[in-house]
Every structure is written in structure tokens, then in C-alpha cells.
Amino acid sequence: MSTGDDTPRDLRDESTVLDWLAAGVISLRETPPTPERLAQWLDVLAAVVASGSEVLPFGVLADIVSIVVGDVSPAVARRCTLENHPVPATLVRRYEDHVLGRLHVDPAFQRGAAAVCRYHKGDRVRALAYLVQQLQRQIGLEGVLLSPGVLRGIAARNHVVLCEELATRPLPALQSQWLGLQLTTLCRAFRHSPELLAPEDLFELERGTAVKSFGQRLALRQTLQAARQLAAVLPSQPPRVRSRWRDVPTPIAEEDQYPVGGYTSLSTRGSIESLLHSQLAYMERDERPDLFDIKFLRDELLYFSRDDNQFLRPRRTVFLVLHPSLVAARVKDSAVPFQRIILTLGLITAAVQTWMAWLTTEALHFEIVFLDDGPRPSLPQERELLETVFSTERDVDVVRVRRLTSGELESLCEQTTFRSRCHAVQFSSEPAELPLAGVPLDSVLVTGPIPEHSAQDAALTSTTNVTELTSDPLQGWQACLRELVVRSL
């Protein structure tokens, strides 16, 4: 946030930090300060400072925290603070309308706030700090740097005394000017920002990963960003493919058949669910048996008859196999924004999401398998990351992430082919054979900036052709994803 050359960017002196905190307390608009609230605001502020990030004006941070936790009493706060507010009343109204008003109605921010409230009490402060940081980053605001030691010393004081001191502390004229410049820039940033929280921010808040270590959160965020960039070139509807008239499902499970069509006629045979509502008029309260019982015994009650057409929902299982050699893909090429392994995980994520969006009439199941033939587990961080990405799908058993040996994978494929149409894709950093009898197999070889996609029953499809057509590696990954999802239809 550019507020001029005289704006303090690094507050190390205790007196200056107290002036900065006092300006925030006096400028509160959502709720009046109390010792309990001040303790919560200082905890969130300390969590933001501990991460080395710049912080917003203290009053803005406190207003955001109050909105998130639902501790809002704006009428009282505004009556108490408007008379002594250090900035002009017109700027205060702009701040209320453009900043606070949008926070109250923005759907993305409300989703993030609801996710924060579901955290345990011990993690809620870190989740609040994460939300404030991502909001500041998404809007592109700059703030000030505080000394963690000075802030700890201030937070250790008696909160009752500290609250009274901050509420009555006289502000220097320069501090009021700084606050006015900050609020002006803040209002402008909120007006020009299309969204307050990115989809990756909401994903982390709702999946509970916002309180994890920085390395885990960075890998997750980059995987989601890579998946979104790779899938940007795919159409919303699946393209036309060759006819699959040779695919005849032989073992049909009962749950794969659904009756379709409307009611065609009336009949004296049927289930109680299809009984005409008018037949309930034959029921009597006191006399038993009544006319309803007699008609039921004589099969004279009327039922709706449904059309006999049946809708068959075919089953499809996709095996996504990650070879241990992918450990060599933990490198970053200068021409792409992510590591090769992150792009591989993003490609898997985008492929699964695309198949689920395209094949809505099929019963889909995805097996993400990490081959584990060695003494040590391979790719443990990657497995944990994919478990987090597909946590919702794993809960409904649409996606499974597991470790299997080559023999166990072959046995699983053999059992699955009897009740589902199967397709397998192997990801590796070196040529590797994966004998899966009766299962079409694609291979994605990650040996350079551009992956090589080949099929078991066809010649090499990407690799050389893609490299010749484009010099942009990201476009090569997009082409690989397009060929992979289309070929398996």
C-alpha cells in the first residue's frame, strides 16, 4: 500500500507501536474495544507478525476479526468512536461502505469466515491470521513491519490497563495523517479488486490445511494453480469420439439400473409409494376394518403404473499409477513456474476433475496408486498432498489413494475388469513396463520440460510433435492433458 514517502514501514520503537495500536483502537467501526477482544486481536496480530508479513492497520485487522467471529455491534462502536475519530468523517463513511460493507456481503469472504469458525479453538487464531494475510495478498495491499519482541512485551501487559491506555492515548498529528492515507488506499484497493479470496485460499481454509507448515501449503497451492492453468484450454463439454458400440456390459449390478419415464396408466397392482392419494379417502378413524382395508384385500385399490424403460449407468474405473522414479521430477525448469512433480500432480488433478465433469452419466471410480516395490515408501509427500486435494472425493469413495506392489495392482485390475470398464495411466521419469492384462494403458514420461504421452495400442502421440509445435513447456503439458482425457473417452 503506497502511502507516501513519510509512511512508517518498520516500527521498532515501543512508543511508536503503542501510537499505531492506539490509532487502530480509536478507529474501530465494528465493535468497541474490551480487554477480551483486545487480547484476541493481539493474538491474531502476533501470528501475522511471526510469519514475517506486513500487517494492515490495527483497526482494520480488528474489524476483520470481529466480522469473522460474529462479534459485531457496529451501532455502539460508531457512536463511541466517530466523535474522536482521527480522520475526516467522509473518509470514515467510505471505509464503512467500500471495505466493511463488502466484507459483510462478499460470498468468498463469507465462505472463508465460515470455514475459520469450524476450526478448533487452538487453531482458530492461526486460521484468522491466514485469512487476513491472504486477503491482504489478494488485494495487493502493503502494510507495516512490527518488532515481534516489542509486540510480545506489549501483549504481556494487563489487558484492562492496556485497553484504557490505548483508548485515551493522544495521537500525534503524523499518526493521524498516516492512518488517513492508509484508509484512502484501502478503500481504493477494495473497489478495484475483483475477488477478496482466491479459490486456493478457500480450498485451504475449508480443508483445514491453512494451519499446516509453509512447505505443505505452498505445494498444495501450486498443485491447485497448476491444475487450473492446465485445464484452462479444455472445453466445458466433451468432444465427439468414435462410437463405442462394441462395448457391451455383461455383469450388470442392480444399483446400476434406474427406472426412467413417467407414469403411463393406472393399475390395481403396485407398491405403496405409487398409490393414488385419493384412495386414502377410504380410511376411517374408528371402524376397523374400513373400506380401505376391504379394497386392499380385494386388490381394488388404484396405483400408478410406471413406464418400464430402464436407464443403464455403466461403470468406469481409471487407474492412475505413479512410479517411484518420479522422485527425479522434483526439479524446476526455468521455462515453467512449477516443479515437474507439481505439474504432474496438477495434471492428475485436472484430469480427474475433467472426467468427473464430462462423464456425468457414468459411475466413475479413480484409483491413484503409488507403486511400492522397494523397502521404503516412495513419494510420501506427494501421496499426502493428493489425499488432501481429493479429501471430499475420498469421503464418498469416488477416489482412493493407496500404496500397492506391482503384483497387487495387477490382481486389483484383473478383479475390477469383471465389473467395470478400466483404463490405466502410468506416470514415470524413466521408461518402465507395467503388465496389466486386458487394461488399456497410457504412459506419461516426465523426463524434460515437456512430458511424453504414449499409448500401448498406438504410436507416440505427444513428445516430438508437441515439442516441434510449441516452444512453451506449459503448452506442452496442456496438450498432454488434452490428449490424455480425450483418448480415454
Protein backbone atom coordinates (compact mmCIF):
# COMPACT_ATOMS: atom_id res chain seq x y z
CA MET A 1 0.00 0.00 0.00
CA SER A 2 1.75 3.08 -1.17
CA THR A 3 1.05 5.86 1.30
CA GLY A 4 3.83 8.27 0.56
CA ASP A 5 7.46 8.62 1.49
CA ASP A 6 6.69 9.58 5.12
CA THR A 7 4.75 6.40 5.89
CA PRO A 8 6.41 4.27 8.62
CA ARG A 9 7.17 0.85 7.19
CA ASP A 10 9.24 -0.55 10.08
CA LEU A 11 8.02 0.07 13.64
CA ARG A 12 10.68 -0.97 16.18
CA ASP A 13 10.16 1.54 18.97
CA GLU A 14 7.66 0.70 21.72
CA SER A 15 6.24 4.21 21.83
CA THR A 16 5.66 4.20 18.06
CA VAL A 17 3.98 0.76 18.22
CA LEU A 18 1.70 1.99 21.02
CA ASP A 19 0.74 5.04 18.91
CA TRP A 20 -0.01 2.69 15.99
CA LEU A 21 -2.16 0.43 18.19
CA ALA A 22 -3.95 3.43 19.71
CA ALA A 23 -4.82 4.75 16.23
CA GLY A 24 -6.33 1.34 15.43
CA VAL A 25 -8.36 1.18 18.65
CA ILE A 26 -9.75 4.68 18.18
CA SER A 27 -10.69 3.98 14.54
CA LEU A 28 -12.67 0.76 15.25
CA ARG A 29 -16.03 0.65 13.48
CA GLU A 30 -17.46 -2.84 14.08
CA THR A 31 -17.29 -3.29 17.85
CA PRO A 32 -15.97 -1.30 20.83
CA PRO A 33 -12.74 -2.47 22.44
CA THR A 34 -12.80 -4.63 25.56
CA PRO A 35 -9.92 -6.41 27.32
CA GLU A 36 -11.08 -9.80 25.99
CA ARG A 37 -11.41 -8.57 22.43
CA LEU A 38 -8.09 -6.74 22.62
CA ALA A 39 -6.39 -9.97 23.71
CA GLN A 40 -7.85 -11.80 20.71
CA TRP A 41 -6.82 -9.05 18.28
CA LEU A 42 -3.28 -9.01 19.66
CA ASP A 43 -3.05 -12.82 19.31
CA VAL A 44 -4.01 -12.61 15.63
CA LEU A 45 -1.62 -9.69 15.14
CA ALA A 46 1.20 -11.67 16.76
CA ALA A 47 0.51 -14.66 14.46
CA VAL A 48 0.72 -12.40 11.40
CA VAL A 49 3.92 -10.74 12.62
CA ALA A 50 5.51 -14.12 13.45
CA SER A 51 5.22 -15.14 9.78
CA GLY A 52 7.30 -12.11 8.74
CA SER A 53 4.44 -10.50 6.82
CA GLU A 54 3.46 -6.87 6.74
CA VAL A 55 0.30 -6.06 8.68
CA LEU A 56 -2.73 -3.94 7.92
CA PRO A 57 -3.73 -1.05 10.18
CA PHE A 58 -4.65 -2.47 13.56
CA GLY A 59 -8.21 -1.12 13.42
CA VAL A 60 -8.79 -2.79 10.05
CA LEU A 61 -7.42 -6.10 11.35
CA ALA A 62 -9.66 -5.89 14.41
CA ASP A 63 -12.72 -5.10 12.28
CA ILE A 64 -12.00 -8.11 10.03
CA VAL A 65 -11.61 -10.43 13.03
CA SER A 66 -14.86 -9.12 14.54
CA ILE A 67 -16.75 -9.80 11.31
CA VAL A 68 -15.33 -13.32 11.01
CA VAL A 69 -16.13 -14.40 14.57
CA GLY A 70 -19.53 -12.66 14.52
CA ASP A 71 -18.69 -10.29 17.38
CA VAL A 72 -20.23 -7.23 15.73
CA SER A 73 -22.05 -4.34 17.36
CA PRO A 74 -21.46 -1.51 14.87
CA ALA A 75 -24.02 0.92 16.22
CA VAL A 76 -22.32 1.06 19.63
CA ALA A 77 -18.84 1.18 18.11
CA ARG A 78 -19.69 4.00 15.72
CA ARG A 79 -21.37 6.12 18.37
CA CYS A 80 -18.35 5.73 20.64
CA THR A 81 -15.65 6.42 18.10
CA LEU A 82 -16.98 8.79 15.46
CA GLU A 83 -16.55 11.88 17.62
CA ASN A 84 -12.90 11.11 18.41
CA HIS A 85 -12.00 9.54 15.07
CA PRO A 86 -8.61 10.81 13.85
CA VAL A 87 -9.66 11.01 10.15
CA PRO A 88 -12.43 13.02 8.42
CA ALA A 89 -15.99 11.72 8.65
CA THR A 90 -16.29 11.43 4.83
CA LEU A 91 -13.33 9.03 4.75
CA VAL A 92 -14.84 7.04 7.62
CA ARG A 93 -18.08 6.60 5.65
CA ARG A 94 -16.13 5.50 2.58
CA TYR A 95 -14.32 2.93 4.70
CA GLU A 96 -17.63 1.63 6.08
CA ASP A 97 -19.23 1.39 2.63
CA HIS A 98 -16.35 0.15 0.46
CA VAL A 99 -14.48 -2.06 2.93
CA LEU A 100 -16.73 -3.18 5.76
CA GLY A 101 -19.85 -3.26 3.61
CA ARG A 102 -18.17 -5.52 1.07
CA LEU A 103 -16.78 -7.83 3.75
CA HIS A 104 -20.31 -8.36 5.06
CA VAL A 105 -21.73 -9.41 1.66
CA ASP A 106 -18.82 -10.86 -0.32
CA PRO A 107 -19.56 -14.61 -0.88
CA ALA A 108 -15.92 -15.69 -0.99
CA PHE A 109 -15.08 -13.90 2.25
CA GLN A 110 -18.17 -15.31 3.94
CA ARG A 111 -17.17 -18.82 2.89
CA GLY A 112 -13.72 -18.25 4.34
CA ALA A 113 -15.18 -16.84 7.56
CA ALA A 114 -17.49 -19.85 7.94
CA ALA A 115 -14.52 -22.18 7.42
CA VAL A 116 -12.48 -20.35 10.09
CA CYS A 117 -15.28 -20.73 12.62
CA ARG A 118 -15.15 -24.52 12.19
CA TYR A 119 -11.54 -24.72 13.40
CA HIS A 120 -10.72 -25.85 16.91
CA LYS A 121 -10.09 -23.09 19.40
CA GLY A 122 -6.36 -23.76 19.42
CA ASP A 123 -6.04 -23.40 15.65
CA ARG A 124 -8.52 -20.58 15.15
CA VAL A 125 -6.01 -17.79 15.78
CA ARG A 126 -3.67 -19.15 13.09
CA ALA A 127 -6.61 -19.59 10.72
CA LEU A 128 -7.67 -15.98 11.34
CA ALA A 129 -4.11 -14.80 10.69
CA TYR A 130 -4.03 -16.84 7.47
CA LEU A 131 -7.31 -15.30 6.27
CA VAL A 132 -6.07 -11.77 6.98
CA GLN A 133 -2.77 -12.45 5.19
CA GLN A 134 -4.42 -13.94 2.09
CA LEU A 135 -6.94 -11.11 1.95
CA GLN A 136 -4.08 -8.61 2.05
CA ARG A 137 -2.12 -10.53 -0.60
CA GLN A 138 -5.11 -10.95 -2.90
CA ILE A 139 -5.91 -7.23 -2.88
CA GLY A 140 -2.28 -6.23 -3.17
CA LEU A 141 -2.03 -4.13 -0.01
CA GLU A 142 1.17 -3.19 1.75
CA GLY A 143 1.42 -2.59 5.46
CA VAL A 144 3.98 -2.08 8.21
CA LEU A 145 6.52 -4.35 9.84
CA LEU A 146 6.44 -4.70 13.61
CA SER A 147 9.07 -5.93 16.02
CA PRO A 148 7.92 -9.29 17.45
CA GLY A 149 9.79 -8.64 20.71
CA VAL A 150 8.17 -5.24 21.25
CA LEU A 151 4.74 -6.68 20.43
CA ARG A 152 5.21 -9.56 22.89
CA GLY A 153 6.16 -7.09 25.62
CA ILE A 154 3.03 -5.01 24.97
CA ALA A 155 0.77 -8.09 24.82
CA ALA A 156 2.11 -9.31 28.16
CA ARG A 157 0.73 -6.27 29.99
CA ASN A 158 -2.53 -6.26 31.88
CA HIS A 159 -5.17 -6.10 29.17
CA VAL A 160 -7.58 -3.99 31.23
CA VAL A 161 -4.96 -1.31 31.78
CA LEU A 162 -3.69 -1.59 28.20
CA CYS A 163 -7.19 -1.18 26.78
CA GLU A 164 -7.77 2.00 28.79
CA GLU A 165 -4.33 3.35 27.87
CA LEU A 166 -4.84 2.80 24.13
CA ALA A 167 -8.35 4.31 24.18
CA THR A 168 -7.15 7.52 25.91
CA ARG A 169 -3.68 7.83 24.40
CA PRO A 170 -3.24 11.13 22.49
CA LEU A 171 -2.27 10.57 18.87
CA PRO A 172 0.48 12.54 17.16
CA ALA A 173 -0.67 14.51 14.13
CA LEU A 174 1.62 12.48 11.86
CA GLN A 175 -0.03 9.22 13.00
CA SER A 176 -3.47 10.60 12.05
CA GLN A 177 -2.17 11.59 8.61
CA TRP A 178 -0.70 8.12 8.11
CA LEU A 179 -3.98 6.48 9.10
CA GLY A 180 -5.93 8.67 6.67
CA LEU A 181 -3.59 7.76 3.81
CA GLN A 182 -3.85 4.06 4.66
CA LEU A 183 -7.66 4.09 4.75
CA THR A 184 -7.80 6.00 1.46
CA THR A 185 -5.59 3.44 -0.27
CA LEU A 186 -7.52 0.60 1.37
CA CYS A 187 -10.85 1.87 0.03
CA ARG A 188 -9.39 2.21 -3.45
CA ALA A 189 -7.94 -1.30 -3.35
CA PHE A 190 -11.26 -2.84 -2.27
CA ARG A 191 -13.13 -1.06 -5.06
CA HIS A 192 -10.72 -2.27 -7.74
CA SER A 193 -10.24 -5.85 -6.54
CA PRO A 194 -12.42 -8.42 -8.36
CA GLU A 195 -12.24 -11.00 -5.54
CA LEU A 196 -11.17 -10.93 -1.91
CA LEU A 197 -10.04 -14.55 -1.60
CA ALA A 198 -8.66 -16.84 -4.30
CA PRO A 199 -10.07 -20.36 -4.84
CA GLU A 200 -6.85 -21.79 -3.41
CA ASP A 201 -7.37 -19.78 -0.22
CA LEU A 202 -10.89 -21.14 0.22
CA PHE A 203 -9.69 -24.67 -0.50
CA GLU A 204 -7.05 -24.47 2.22
CA LEU A 205 -9.42 -22.92 4.75
CA GLU A 206 -12.17 -25.45 4.11
CA ARG A 207 -9.82 -28.47 4.07
CA GLY A 208 -8.05 -27.44 7.26
CA THR A 209 -4.61 -27.07 5.69
CA ALA A 210 -4.35 -23.34 6.43
CA VAL A 211 -2.67 -24.11 9.76
CA LYS A 212 -0.09 -26.53 8.36
CA SER A 213 3.54 -25.77 7.65
CA PHE A 214 4.51 -23.32 4.92
CA GLY A 215 6.07 -26.01 2.70
CA GLN A 216 2.92 -28.17 2.68
CA ARG A 217 0.68 -25.20 1.97
CA LEU A 218 2.93 -23.98 -0.83
CA ALA A 219 2.96 -27.39 -2.55
CA LEU A 220 -0.83 -27.66 -2.25
CA ARG A 221 -1.39 -24.15 -3.58
CA GLN A 222 0.95 -24.70 -6.52
CA THR A 223 -0.73 -28.01 -7.38
CA LEU A 224 -4.15 -26.37 -7.48
CA GLN A 225 -2.81 -23.47 -9.55
CA ALA A 226 -1.12 -25.86 -11.98
CA ALA A 227 -4.34 -27.88 -12.35
CA ARG A 228 -6.33 -24.72 -13.07
CA GLN A 229 -3.83 -23.48 -15.66
CA LEU A 230 -3.61 -26.85 -17.41
CA ALA A 231 -7.39 -27.29 -17.54
CA ALA A 232 -7.95 -23.76 -18.89
CA VAL A 233 -7.60 -24.97 -22.50
CA LEU A 234 -10.13 -27.81 -22.19
CA PRO A 235 -13.70 -27.31 -23.44
CA SER A 236 -16.58 -27.39 -20.99
CA GLN A 237 -18.25 -30.19 -22.96
CA PRO A 238 -16.55 -33.45 -24.03
CA PRO A 239 -15.65 -33.64 -27.73
CA ARG A 240 -17.18 -36.20 -30.07
CA VAL A 241 -15.37 -39.52 -30.03
CA ARG A 242 -15.58 -42.69 -32.10
CA SER A 243 -18.57 -44.92 -31.47
CA ARG A 244 -18.24 -47.47 -28.68
CA TRP A 245 -20.93 -49.81 -29.96
CA ARG A 246 -18.70 -52.81 -29.26
CA ASP A 247 -18.81 -52.08 -25.50
CA VAL A 248 -21.44 -54.47 -24.13
CA PRO A 249 -21.79 -54.55 -20.33
CA THR A 250 -22.34 -58.15 -19.29
CA PRO A 251 -22.30 -58.11 -15.44
CA ILE A 252 -24.97 -55.51 -14.61
CA ALA A 253 -25.37 -54.70 -10.93
CA GLU A 254 -28.82 -53.89 -9.59
CA GLU A 255 -27.73 -50.44 -8.40
CA ASP A 256 -26.64 -49.56 -11.97
CA GLN A 257 -30.23 -49.65 -13.28
CA TYR A 258 -32.68 -46.84 -12.76
CA PRO A 259 -36.33 -46.64 -13.92
CA VAL A 260 -36.96 -43.77 -16.29
CA GLY A 261 -40.05 -42.30 -17.87
CA GLY A 262 -43.28 -41.08 -16.29
CA TYR A 263 -46.46 -42.78 -15.18
CA THR A 264 -48.35 -44.26 -18.13
CA SER A 265 -51.61 -45.68 -16.70
CA LEU A 266 -53.50 -46.84 -13.61
CA SER A 267 -53.45 -50.38 -12.29
CA THR A 268 -54.68 -52.43 -9.35
CA ARG A 269 -51.14 -53.68 -8.75
CA GLY A 270 -48.27 -51.65 -7.37
CA SER A 271 -46.29 -50.55 -4.35
CA ILE A 272 -47.50 -48.28 -1.60
CA GLU A 273 -45.25 -45.49 -2.96
CA SER A 274 -47.30 -45.36 -6.21
CA LEU A 275 -50.71 -45.47 -4.52
CA LEU A 276 -53.15 -42.77 -5.66
CA HIS A 277 -53.61 -40.21 -2.91
CA SER A 278 -57.34 -40.25 -3.48
CA GLN A 279 -57.50 -43.86 -2.20
CA LEU A 280 -56.68 -42.60 1.28
CA ALA A 281 -60.23 -41.22 1.49
CA TYR A 282 -61.45 -44.78 2.16
CA MET A 283 -59.71 -44.80 5.55
CA GLU A 284 -61.88 -44.48 8.66
CA ARG A 285 -60.68 -43.48 12.11
CA ASP A 286 -62.93 -45.60 14.29
CA GLU A 287 -64.35 -48.51 12.33
CA ARG A 288 -61.95 -51.37 11.52
CA PRO A 289 -61.84 -52.94 9.04
CA ASP A 290 -62.75 -49.94 6.95
CA LEU A 291 -63.36 -49.65 3.21
CA PHE A 292 -59.62 -49.13 2.56
CA ASP A 293 -58.80 -52.48 4.17
CA ILE A 294 -61.51 -54.26 2.19
CA LYS A 295 -60.35 -52.79 -1.14
CA PHE A 296 -56.75 -53.64 -0.29
CA LEU A 297 -57.64 -57.30 0.37
CA ARG A 298 -59.68 -57.47 -2.85
CA ASP A 299 -56.91 -55.76 -4.91
CA GLU A 300 -59.25 -52.96 -5.83
CA LEU A 301 -57.03 -50.04 -4.83
CA LEU A 302 -55.62 -47.99 -7.71
CA TYR A 303 -51.90 -47.48 -8.31
CA PHE A 304 -49.89 -45.54 -10.85
CA SER A 305 -48.09 -47.68 -13.43
CA ARG A 306 -44.62 -46.51 -14.46
CA ASP A 307 -43.00 -46.85 -17.84
CA ASP A 308 -40.84 -49.98 -17.99
CA ASN A 309 -37.83 -48.31 -19.62
CA GLN A 310 -34.55 -48.71 -17.75
CA PHE A 311 -31.53 -46.45 -17.67
CA LEU A 312 -28.22 -48.26 -17.52
CA ARG A 313 -25.37 -46.47 -15.78
CA PRO A 314 -22.08 -48.00 -16.91
CA ARG A 315 -19.13 -48.31 -14.55
CA ARG A 316 -15.69 -46.92 -15.36
CA THR A 317 -12.50 -47.26 -13.31
CA VAL A 318 -9.34 -45.28 -14.03
CA PHE A 319 -6.01 -46.35 -12.54
CA LEU A 320 -3.50 -43.51 -12.15
CA VAL A 321 -0.18 -45.16 -11.32
CA LEU A 322 2.78 -43.13 -10.02
CA HIS A 323 6.12 -44.86 -10.47
CA PRO A 324 8.85 -44.42 -7.80
CA SER A 325 11.14 -42.92 -10.44
CA LEU A 326 9.08 -39.71 -10.22
CA VAL A 327 11.37 -38.68 -7.37
CA ALA A 328 13.67 -37.43 -10.15
CA ALA A 329 10.91 -35.00 -11.19
CA ARG A 330 11.44 -32.85 -8.10
CA VAL A 331 13.26 -30.29 -10.21
CA LYS A 332 12.19 -26.98 -11.68
CA ASP A 333 12.84 -25.88 -15.24
CA SER A 334 13.42 -22.21 -15.89
CA ALA A 335 10.66 -22.02 -18.50
CA VAL A 336 7.83 -23.20 -16.23
CA PRO A 337 6.57 -21.72 -12.96
CA PHE A 338 6.40 -25.03 -11.06
CA GLN A 339 8.46 -28.14 -10.47
CA ARG A 340 7.90 -31.11 -12.76
CA ILE A 341 6.40 -33.16 -9.93
CA ILE A 342 3.96 -30.33 -9.13
CA LEU A 343 2.92 -30.19 -12.79
CA THR A 344 2.45 -33.97 -12.75
CA LEU A 345 0.21 -33.78 -9.69
CA GLY A 346 -1.63 -30.84 -11.25
CA LEU A 347 -2.16 -32.86 -14.43
CA ILE A 348 -3.62 -35.74 -12.40
CA THR A 349 -5.89 -33.33 -10.51
CA ALA A 350 -7.09 -31.63 -13.70
CA ALA A 351 -7.67 -35.00 -15.43
CA VAL A 352 -9.80 -36.35 -12.58
CA GLN A 353 -11.83 -33.15 -12.35
CA THR A 354 -12.35 -33.12 -16.13
CA TRP A 355 -13.52 -36.73 -16.29
CA MET A 356 -15.94 -36.10 -13.43
CA ALA A 357 -17.33 -33.04 -15.24
CA TRP A 358 -17.62 -34.77 -18.62
CA LEU A 359 -18.76 -38.30 -17.74
CA THR A 360 -21.73 -37.40 -15.58
CA THR A 361 -23.82 -40.39 -16.75
CA GLU A 362 -21.26 -42.99 -15.67
CA ALA A 363 -20.34 -44.42 -12.28
CA LEU A 364 -16.74 -43.24 -12.03
CA HIS A 365 -14.06 -44.54 -9.70
CA PHE A 366 -10.43 -43.48 -9.59
CA GLU A 367 -7.57 -45.49 -8.10
CA ILE A 368 -4.47 -43.35 -7.52
CA VAL A 369 -1.77 -45.96 -6.90
CA PHE A 370 1.78 -45.34 -5.68
CA LEU A 371 3.90 -48.34 -6.67
CA ASP A 372 5.75 -49.58 -3.63
CA ASP A 373 8.03 -52.48 -4.61
CA GLY A 374 11.05 -51.25 -2.62
CA PRO A 375 11.87 -51.40 1.09
CA ARG A 376 11.00 -47.73 1.63
CA PRO A 377 7.72 -45.98 0.82
CA SER A 378 8.03 -43.89 -2.31
CA LEU A 379 6.80 -40.30 -2.71
CA PRO A 380 5.27 -39.87 0.78
CA GLN A 381 4.79 -36.10 0.46
CA GLU A 382 3.08 -36.47 -2.90
CA ARG A 383 0.71 -39.06 -1.52
CA GLU A 384 -0.24 -36.83 1.41
CA LEU A 385 -0.81 -33.93 -0.97
CA LEU A 386 -3.16 -35.91 -3.24
CA GLU A 387 -5.05 -37.20 -0.20
CA THR A 388 -5.65 -33.58 0.77
CA VAL A 389 -6.66 -32.49 -2.74
CA PHE A 390 -9.21 -35.31 -3.08
CA SER A 391 -10.36 -35.39 0.55
CA THR A 392 -14.02 -34.81 -0.39
CA GLU A 393 -13.95 -37.42 -3.17
CA ARG A 394 -12.28 -39.90 -0.83
CA ASP A 395 -15.08 -39.48 1.70
CA VAL A 396 -17.65 -40.69 -0.87
CA ASP A 397 -15.29 -43.41 -2.20
CA VAL A 398 -15.00 -41.91 -5.67
CA VAL A 399 -11.22 -41.57 -5.35
CA ARG A 400 -8.85 -43.87 -3.48
CA VAL A 401 -5.20 -43.09 -2.81
CA ARG A 402 -3.21 -46.18 -1.85
CA ARG A 403 0.15 -47.94 -1.99
CA LEU A 404 0.36 -51.24 -3.87
CA THR A 405 3.05 -53.51 -5.22
CA SER A 406 3.08 -54.38 -8.92
CA GLY A 407 1.56 -57.79 -8.17
CA GLU A 408 -1.22 -56.32 -6.03
CA LEU A 409 -2.01 -53.74 -8.72
CA GLU A 410 -2.21 -56.44 -11.41
CA SER A 411 -4.53 -58.52 -9.22
CA LEU A 412 -6.73 -55.49 -8.49
CA CYS A 413 -7.03 -54.64 -12.18
CA GLU A 414 -7.93 -58.23 -13.01
CA GLN A 415 -10.72 -58.24 -10.43
CA THR A 416 -12.02 -54.82 -11.49
CA THR A 417 -12.29 -55.70 -15.19
CA PHE A 418 -15.11 -58.18 -14.43
CA ARG A 419 -17.45 -55.41 -13.24
CA SER A 420 -16.16 -52.18 -14.76
CA ARG A 421 -14.57 -50.72 -17.84
CA CYS A 422 -10.94 -50.00 -16.94
CA HIS A 423 -8.24 -47.67 -18.15
CA ALA A 424 -4.75 -47.13 -16.71
CA VAL A 425 -2.25 -44.28 -16.96
CA GLN A 426 1.31 -44.63 -15.71
CA PHE A 427 3.41 -41.60 -14.72
CA SER A 428 7.18 -42.10 -14.51
CA SER A 429 10.52 -40.38 -15.07
CA GLU A 430 12.09 -43.34 -16.84
CA PRO A 431 10.72 -46.00 -19.22
CA ALA A 432 9.01 -48.69 -17.14
CA GLU A 433 6.85 -51.66 -18.08
CA LEU A 434 3.58 -52.21 -16.26
CA PRO A 435 1.99 -55.54 -17.34
CA LEU A 436 -1.76 -55.14 -16.95
CA ALA A 437 -3.58 -57.78 -18.94
CA GLY A 438 -6.79 -56.60 -20.56
CA VAL A 439 -6.47 -52.97 -19.44
CA PRO A 440 -5.63 -50.19 -21.97
CA LEU A 441 -2.51 -48.45 -20.75
CA ASP A 442 -1.24 -44.92 -21.40
CA SER A 443 2.18 -43.72 -20.30
CA VAL A 444 3.25 -40.19 -19.38
CA LEU A 445 7.04 -39.93 -19.30
CA VAL A 446 8.34 -36.90 -17.38
CA THR A 447 11.96 -36.63 -18.47
CA GLY A 448 12.12 -32.98 -19.54
CA PRO A 449 10.19 -29.72 -19.51
CA ILE A 450 7.56 -31.28 -21.80
CA PRO A 451 6.06 -34.70 -20.92
CA GLU A 452 5.87 -37.56 -23.41
CA HIS A 453 2.47 -39.20 -23.78
CA SER A 454 2.26 -42.60 -25.46
CA ALA A 455 -0.40 -45.28 -25.73
CA GLN A 456 0.00 -49.03 -25.64
CA ASP A 457 -2.06 -49.53 -28.77
CA ALA A 458 -0.86 -46.50 -30.73
CA ALA A 459 2.31 -44.73 -31.75
CA LEU A 460 3.87 -41.92 -29.73
CA THR A 461 1.34 -39.11 -29.71
CA SER A 462 2.92 -36.16 -27.90
CA THR A 463 6.65 -35.73 -27.22
CA THR A 464 8.32 -34.85 -30.51
CA ASN A 465 5.19 -33.48 -32.17
CA VAL A 466 4.34 -31.19 -29.28
CA THR A 467 7.93 -30.03 -28.94
CA GLU A 468 8.03 -29.11 -32.61
CA LEU A 469 4.72 -27.26 -32.46
CA THR A 470 5.44 -25.13 -29.43
CA SER A 471 8.41 -23.89 -27.51
CA ASP A 472 6.32 -23.16 -24.41
CA PRO A 473 6.57 -26.11 -21.97
CA LEU A 474 3.30 -25.16 -20.27
CA GLN A 475 1.51 -25.56 -23.60
CA GLY A 476 3.15 -28.97 -23.90
CA TRP A 477 1.65 -30.01 -20.56
CA GLN A 478 -1.73 -28.68 -21.67
CA ALA A 479 -1.51 -30.70 -24.90
CA CYS A 480 -0.61 -33.81 -22.91
CA LEU A 481 -3.64 -33.33 -20.66
CA ARG A 482 -5.92 -32.81 -23.67
CA GLU A 483 -4.73 -35.99 -25.37
CA LEU A 484 -4.97 -37.98 -22.16
CA VAL A 485 -8.55 -37.06 -21.25
CA VAL A 486 -9.88 -37.28 -24.80
CA ARG A 487 -8.26 -40.62 -25.62
CA SER A 488 -9.82 -42.31 -22.62
CA LEU A 489 -13.41 -41.35 -23.52
